[in-house]
Every structure is written in structure tokens, then in C-alpha cells.
N, C-alpha and C. Protein backbone atom coordinates (compact mmCIF):
# COMPACT_ATOMS: atom_id res chain seq x y z
N UNK A 1 0.84 -1.38 -0.35
CA UNK A 1 -0.23 0.24 0.15
C UNK A 1 0.72 1.32 0.13
N UNK A 2 0.63 1.71 -0.83
CA UNK A 2 1.59 3.48 -1.04
C UNK A 2 1.20 4.27 -0.22
N UNK A 3 1.96 4.71 0.58
CA UNK A 3 1.99 5.89 1.39
C UNK A 3 1.67 7.59 0.74
N UNK A 4 0.51 8.45 0.81
CA UNK A 4 0.75 9.28 0.49
C UNK A 4 1.43 10.13 1.01
N UNK A 5 2.08 11.10 0.16
CA UNK A 5 2.97 12.79 0.50
C UNK A 5 2.81 13.39 1.82
N UNK A 6 2.90 13.15 3.19
CA UNK A 6 3.05 13.72 3.54
C UNK A 6 2.50 15.49 3.58
N UNK A 7 3.33 15.91 2.83
CA UNK A 7 3.03 17.51 2.37
C UNK A 7 1.02 17.49 2.11
N UNK A 8 0.69 16.44 1.49
CA UNK A 8 -0.58 16.29 0.97
C UNK A 8 -1.37 16.16 2.27
N UNK A 9 -1.11 15.83 3.03
CA UNK A 9 -2.04 15.52 4.13
C UNK A 9 -2.12 16.88 4.96
N UNK A 10 -0.97 17.54 5.38
CA UNK A 10 -1.15 18.85 5.90
C UNK A 10 -1.62 19.94 5.17
N UNK A 11 -2.08 19.85 3.63
CA UNK A 11 -2.60 20.70 2.70
C UNK A 11 -4.09 19.93 3.00
N UNK A 12 -4.48 18.99 3.15
CA UNK A 12 -5.77 18.88 3.69
C UNK A 12 -6.43 18.96 4.33
N UNK A 13 -5.52 18.69 5.96
CA UNK A 13 -5.80 19.52 6.81
C UNK A 13 -6.23 21.02 6.88
N UNK A 14 -4.97 21.62 6.30
CA UNK A 14 -5.23 23.31 6.54
C UNK A 14 -6.30 23.74 5.38
N UNK A 15 -6.37 23.45 4.29
CA UNK A 15 -7.49 23.50 3.67
C UNK A 15 -9.34 23.48 4.21
N UNK A 16 -9.22 21.97 4.93
CA UNK A 16 -10.27 21.88 5.43
C UNK A 16 -10.71 23.21 6.31
N UNK A 17 -9.85 23.22 7.16
CA UNK A 17 -9.49 24.29 8.54
C UNK A 17 -10.00 25.49 7.78
N UNK A 18 -9.33 25.85 7.10
CA UNK A 18 -9.19 27.12 6.43
C UNK A 18 -10.89 27.67 5.71
N UNK A 19 -11.26 26.45 4.88
CA UNK A 19 -12.26 26.74 3.92
C UNK A 19 -13.45 25.42 4.18
N UNK A 20 -13.16 24.64 4.75
CA UNK A 20 -14.38 24.11 5.03
C UNK A 20 -14.75 23.82 6.19
N UNK A 21 -15.08 24.87 7.21
CA UNK A 21 -15.09 24.73 8.65
C UNK A 21 -16.69 24.45 9.08
N UNK A 22 -17.27 23.66 9.67
CA UNK A 22 -18.45 23.27 9.96
C UNK A 22 -19.21 22.87 8.93
N UNK A 23 -20.27 21.84 9.23
CA UNK A 23 -20.80 21.33 8.89
C UNK A 23 -21.59 21.59 7.00
N UNK A 24 -22.25 22.74 7.51
CA UNK A 24 -22.63 23.96 6.08
C UNK A 24 -21.83 24.03 5.21
N UNK A 25 -20.38 23.73 5.60
CA UNK A 25 -18.98 24.32 4.24
C UNK A 25 -18.72 22.36 3.64
N UNK A 26 -19.17 21.50 4.42
CA UNK A 26 -18.46 20.37 3.63
C UNK A 26 -18.20 20.44 2.50
N UNK A 27 -17.06 19.59 2.08
CA UNK A 27 -16.77 19.12 0.42
C UNK A 27 -17.07 17.99 -0.12
N UNK A 28 -17.28 17.92 -0.57
CA UNK A 28 -17.51 15.96 -0.79
C UNK A 28 -16.03 15.99 -1.89
N UNK A 29 -16.28 14.56 -1.67
CA UNK A 29 -14.96 13.71 -1.54
C UNK A 29 -14.35 13.75 -3.41
N UNK A 30 -15.17 14.07 -4.11
CA UNK A 30 -14.58 14.33 -5.52
C UNK A 30 -14.25 15.45 -5.95
N UNK A 31 -14.74 16.66 -5.15
CA UNK A 31 -13.86 18.03 -5.33
C UNK A 31 -12.85 17.61 -4.71
N UNK A 32 -12.64 17.25 -3.50
CA UNK A 32 -11.05 17.28 -3.13
C UNK A 32 -10.39 16.28 -3.83
N UNK A 33 -10.69 15.09 -4.42
CA UNK A 33 -9.90 14.72 -5.38
C UNK A 33 -9.80 15.74 -6.50
N UNK A 34 -10.84 16.42 -7.51
CA UNK A 34 -9.62 17.21 -8.15
C UNK A 34 -9.13 18.42 -7.66
N UNK A 35 -9.32 18.51 -6.87
CA UNK A 35 -8.21 19.74 -6.25
C UNK A 35 -6.92 19.65 -6.05
N UNK A 36 -6.89 18.26 -5.08
CA UNK A 36 -5.91 17.86 -4.77
C UNK A 36 -4.99 16.76 -5.64
N UNK A 37 -5.48 16.25 -7.09
CA UNK A 37 -5.05 15.35 -7.45
C UNK A 37 -4.91 14.55 -7.13
N UNK A 38 -6.00 13.84 -6.63
CA UNK A 38 -5.48 12.28 -5.96
C UNK A 38 -6.70 11.35 -5.84
N UNK A 39 -6.52 10.52 -5.79
CA UNK A 39 -7.85 9.20 -5.88
C UNK A 39 -8.75 9.42 -4.54
N UNK A 40 -10.05 9.06 -4.84
CA UNK A 40 -10.93 8.92 -3.35
C UNK A 40 -10.50 7.79 -2.05
N UNK A 41 -9.34 6.98 -2.33
CA UNK A 41 -9.26 5.87 -1.81
C UNK A 41 -8.15 6.48 -0.93
N UNK A 42 -6.89 7.86 -1.56
CA UNK A 42 -5.94 8.28 -1.22
C UNK A 42 -6.93 9.59 0.28
N UNK A 43 -7.79 10.10 -0.49
CA UNK A 43 -8.45 11.07 0.41
C UNK A 43 -9.54 10.61 1.66
N UNK A 44 -9.43 9.14 1.74
CA UNK A 44 -10.20 8.68 2.80
C UNK A 44 -8.97 8.02 3.89
N UNK A 45 -8.07 7.72 3.32
CA UNK A 45 -6.69 7.77 4.18
C UNK A 45 -6.24 8.71 5.01
N UNK A 46 -5.98 9.68 3.96
CA UNK A 46 -5.42 11.04 4.66
C UNK A 46 -6.33 11.07 5.94
N UNK A 47 -7.95 11.05 5.33
CA UNK A 47 -8.73 11.76 6.50
C UNK A 47 -8.72 10.59 8.05
N UNK A 48 -8.19 9.40 7.87
CA UNK A 48 -8.29 8.39 8.62
C UNK A 48 -7.14 8.95 9.22
N UNK A 49 -5.88 9.11 8.83
CA UNK A 49 -4.62 9.33 9.23
C UNK A 49 -4.87 10.77 10.17
N UNK A 50 -5.35 11.65 9.84
CA UNK A 50 -5.47 12.99 10.40
C UNK A 50 -6.57 13.19 11.33
N UNK A 51 -7.55 12.12 11.39
CA UNK A 51 -8.35 11.82 12.86
C UNK A 51 -7.45 10.94 13.69
N UNK A 52 -7.05 9.95 13.23
CA UNK A 52 -6.10 9.76 14.08
C UNK A 52 -5.01 10.01 15.11
N UNK A 53 -4.93 11.17 14.18
CA UNK A 53 -3.84 12.38 15.12
C UNK A 53 -4.55 13.28 15.40
N UNK A 54 -5.59 13.04 16.16
CA UNK A 54 -6.72 14.49 16.79
C UNK A 54 -6.85 15.72 15.82
N UNK A 55 -6.85 15.45 14.50
CA UNK A 55 -7.54 16.32 14.11
C UNK A 55 -9.08 16.15 13.75
N UNK A 56 -9.43 17.52 14.24
CA UNK A 56 -11.26 17.11 13.85
C UNK A 56 -11.74 17.38 12.87
N UNK A 57 -11.41 16.52 11.95
CA UNK A 57 -12.11 16.10 10.72
C UNK A 57 -13.32 15.34 10.33
N UNK A 58 -14.16 16.04 10.12
CA UNK A 58 -15.82 15.31 10.59
C UNK A 58 -16.36 15.06 9.06
N UNK A 59 -17.41 14.31 8.96
CA UNK A 59 -17.86 13.85 7.46
C UNK A 59 -19.65 13.77 7.81
N UNK A 60 -20.04 13.99 6.83
CA UNK A 60 -21.17 13.83 6.29
C UNK A 60 -22.00 13.40 5.38
N UNK A 61 -23.18 12.92 5.00
CA UNK A 61 -23.49 12.90 3.34
C UNK A 61 -23.24 13.84 2.22
N UNK A 62 -23.06 14.86 3.01
CA UNK A 62 -22.29 16.27 2.31
C UNK A 62 -21.04 16.37 1.70
N UNK A 63 -19.94 15.65 2.33
CA UNK A 63 -18.83 15.31 2.20
C UNK A 63 -17.94 15.55 3.99
N UNK A 64 -16.85 15.85 3.42
CA UNK A 64 -16.17 16.52 4.66
C UNK A 64 -15.63 17.55 5.11
N UNK A 65 -15.69 18.11 6.64
CA UNK A 65 -15.31 19.14 6.88
C UNK A 65 -14.12 19.31 8.08
N UNK A 66 -13.79 20.52 8.79
CA UNK A 66 -13.26 20.57 9.93
C UNK A 66 -14.26 20.91 10.67
N UNK A 67 -14.40 20.67 12.23
CA UNK A 67 -15.53 20.52 12.92
C UNK A 67 -15.60 21.94 13.81
N UNK A 68 -16.60 22.35 13.95
CA UNK A 68 -16.77 23.66 14.35
C UNK A 68 -16.88 23.46 15.84
N UNK A 69 -17.71 22.32 16.54
CA UNK A 69 -17.78 22.24 17.47
C UNK A 69 -18.11 21.16 18.02
N UNK A 70 -18.56 20.85 18.91
CA UNK A 70 -18.43 19.93 19.76
C UNK A 70 -19.25 18.96 19.08
N UNK A 71 -21.07 19.14 18.84
CA UNK A 71 -22.21 18.73 18.31
C UNK A 71 -21.64 17.69 16.91
N UNK A 72 -21.04 18.47 15.99
CA UNK A 72 -20.28 17.64 14.92
C UNK A 72 -18.94 16.59 15.05
N UNK A 73 -18.56 17.02 16.04
CA UNK A 73 -17.46 15.87 16.18
C UNK A 73 -18.25 14.36 17.13
N UNK A 74 -19.00 15.06 17.53
CA UNK A 74 -19.78 13.61 18.65
C UNK A 74 -20.88 12.76 17.51
N UNK A 75 -21.26 13.50 15.92
CA UNK A 75 -21.95 13.36 15.22
C UNK A 75 -21.15 12.34 14.62
N UNK A 76 -20.14 12.70 14.08
CA UNK A 76 -18.93 12.05 13.09
C UNK A 76 -18.50 10.81 14.13
N UNK A 77 -18.62 10.70 15.46
CA UNK A 77 -17.67 10.06 16.38
C UNK A 77 -18.96 8.70 16.74
N UNK A 78 -20.22 9.36 16.52
CA UNK A 78 -21.39 8.48 16.28
C UNK A 78 -21.53 7.59 15.13
N UNK A 79 -21.39 7.93 13.97
CA UNK A 79 -21.51 7.49 12.70
C UNK A 79 -20.42 6.22 12.67
N UNK A 80 -18.97 6.45 13.05
CA UNK A 80 -18.00 5.47 13.00
C UNK A 80 -17.76 4.50 14.11
N UNK A 81 -18.64 4.93 14.95
CA UNK A 81 -18.90 3.56 15.91
C UNK A 81 -20.11 3.12 15.40
N UNK A 82 -20.86 3.31 14.60
CA UNK A 82 -22.03 2.62 14.26
C UNK A 82 -20.92 1.75 12.78
N UNK A 83 -20.05 2.32 12.85
CA UNK A 83 -19.69 1.58 11.17
C UNK A 83 -18.86 0.33 12.12
N UNK A 84 -18.14 1.03 13.29
CA UNK A 84 -17.16 -0.18 13.58
C UNK A 84 -18.22 -1.28 14.04
N UNK A 85 -19.30 -1.22 14.62
CA UNK A 85 -20.28 -2.27 15.38
C UNK A 85 -20.63 -2.97 14.05
N UNK A 86 -20.99 -2.18 12.98
CA UNK A 86 -21.38 -3.02 11.97
C UNK A 86 -20.22 -4.08 11.37
N UNK A 87 -18.90 -3.41 11.24
CA UNK A 87 -17.91 -4.71 10.75
C UNK A 87 -17.93 -5.69 11.58
N UNK A 88 -17.80 -5.38 12.67
CA UNK A 88 -17.84 -6.32 13.84
C UNK A 88 -18.81 -7.55 13.70
N UNK A 89 -19.82 -7.10 13.47
CA UNK A 89 -21.03 -8.35 12.85
C UNK A 89 -20.51 -9.09 11.91
N UNK A 90 -19.95 -8.22 11.01
CA UNK A 90 -19.65 -8.98 9.64
C UNK A 90 -18.25 -9.85 9.82
N UNK A 91 -17.46 -9.45 10.46
CA UNK A 91 -16.34 -10.44 11.02
C UNK A 91 -16.62 -11.03 11.88
N UNK A 92 -18.09 -11.24 12.69
CA UNK A 92 -18.15 -12.46 13.85
C UNK A 92 -18.94 -13.36 13.24
N UNK A 93 -19.54 -12.91 11.94
CA UNK A 93 -20.80 -13.93 10.92
C UNK A 93 -19.71 -14.59 10.07
N UNK A 94 -19.01 -14.19 9.42
CA UNK A 94 -17.55 -15.12 8.96
C UNK A 94 -17.03 -15.90 9.77
N UNK A 95 -16.59 -15.22 10.85
CA UNK A 95 -15.64 -16.44 11.88
C UNK A 95 -16.51 -17.73 12.31
N UNK A 96 -17.77 -17.19 12.12
CA UNK A 96 -18.36 -18.10 12.28
C UNK A 96 -18.80 -19.44 11.21
N UNK A 97 -19.24 -18.48 10.18
CA UNK A 97 -18.93 -19.51 9.00
C UNK A 97 -17.91 -20.21 8.95
N UNK A 98 -16.70 -19.86 9.16
CA UNK A 98 -15.11 -20.48 9.02
C UNK A 98 -15.16 -21.78 10.44
N UNK A 99 -15.79 -21.39 11.53
CA UNK A 99 -15.54 -22.38 12.61
C UNK A 99 -16.66 -24.01 11.81
N UNK A 100 -17.57 -23.18 11.54
CA UNK A 100 -18.55 -24.46 10.91
C UNK A 100 -17.82 -25.00 10.03
N UNK A 101 -17.27 -24.75 9.04
CA UNK A 101 -16.37 -25.15 7.81
C UNK A 101 -15.40 -26.17 8.47
N UNK A 102 -14.75 -25.70 9.57
CA UNK A 102 -13.54 -26.19 10.08
C UNK A 102 -14.21 -27.50 10.80
N UNK A 103 -15.31 -27.13 11.47
CA UNK A 103 -15.95 -28.55 12.24
C UNK A 103 -16.49 -29.55 11.36
N UNK A 104 -17.26 -29.10 10.00
CA UNK A 104 -17.44 -29.79 9.04
C UNK A 104 -16.59 -30.97 8.33
N UNK A 105 -15.23 -29.98 8.24
CA UNK A 105 -14.12 -30.97 7.63
C UNK A 105 -13.58 -32.34 8.55
N UNK A 106 -13.47 -31.88 9.89
CA UNK A 106 -12.86 -32.74 10.80
C UNK A 106 -13.96 -33.86 10.83
N UNK A 107 -15.28 -33.23 10.91
CA UNK A 107 -16.04 -34.72 10.90
C UNK A 107 -15.95 -35.63 9.14
N UNK A 108 -15.59 -35.02 8.47
CA UNK A 108 -15.48 -35.86 7.01
C UNK A 108 -14.06 -36.61 6.86
N UNK A 109 -13.41 -35.84 7.81
CA UNK A 109 -12.07 -36.60 7.68
C UNK A 109 -12.33 -37.80 8.72
N UNK A 110 -13.35 -37.78 9.63
CA UNK A 110 -13.39 -38.97 10.62
C UNK A 110 -13.99 -40.22 9.56
């Protein structure tokens, strides 16, 4: 997996902070891709890195933005928590299927 250049990360953070503060000023991923000349996967990776570095990058259906208040942060945290729960359920379902496959394989071998 290629790591995006660090300067693009700083540019993205500064750009959101200066020009897209608050949910009313959200910018779409497509527009960020066009402005920064990177793919959507890079934008998502950069946003994840920035959030991991405690930068208040939020998102909603309209796009990405720099948090203007606690409520915006809480809403994004809630969205992320919901996604974690859904991913955990999906993983658990696959693990259960794998266990059943393994048990069936062991039964077939006897």
C-alpha cells in the first residue's frame, strides 16, 4: 500500500480548516480529489490518518469538513462507532462460518 506524501496530508488539513469549517461548508470527496489531484482512496486514507492524529475532521452525507463545534464531532464519532459495530458483526459472522467449515472438515475426515 503506497503512503501518500506527508505534504498532501498537511495541505488537506489546512484546506479543510481554512475553507470548510463546519458541516454547512462540507466538501465532497470528488471535489477534494479534483483539487488535490489524488484518488478517493487517498482522501479516505488521509482523513483516517488525520483523525488518528486528533485532527477534528468530520464527515456527513455532503462530504468532509473541519469541526466547528462539539456536536459535529459527536455526530462523526457516532457514525464511526456505528460502522465499527457493523464491521464487527460482519467479521463475527464470517468467523462463525469458518468455524462451521472447520468442524465439517474435521467430521468428514473421521
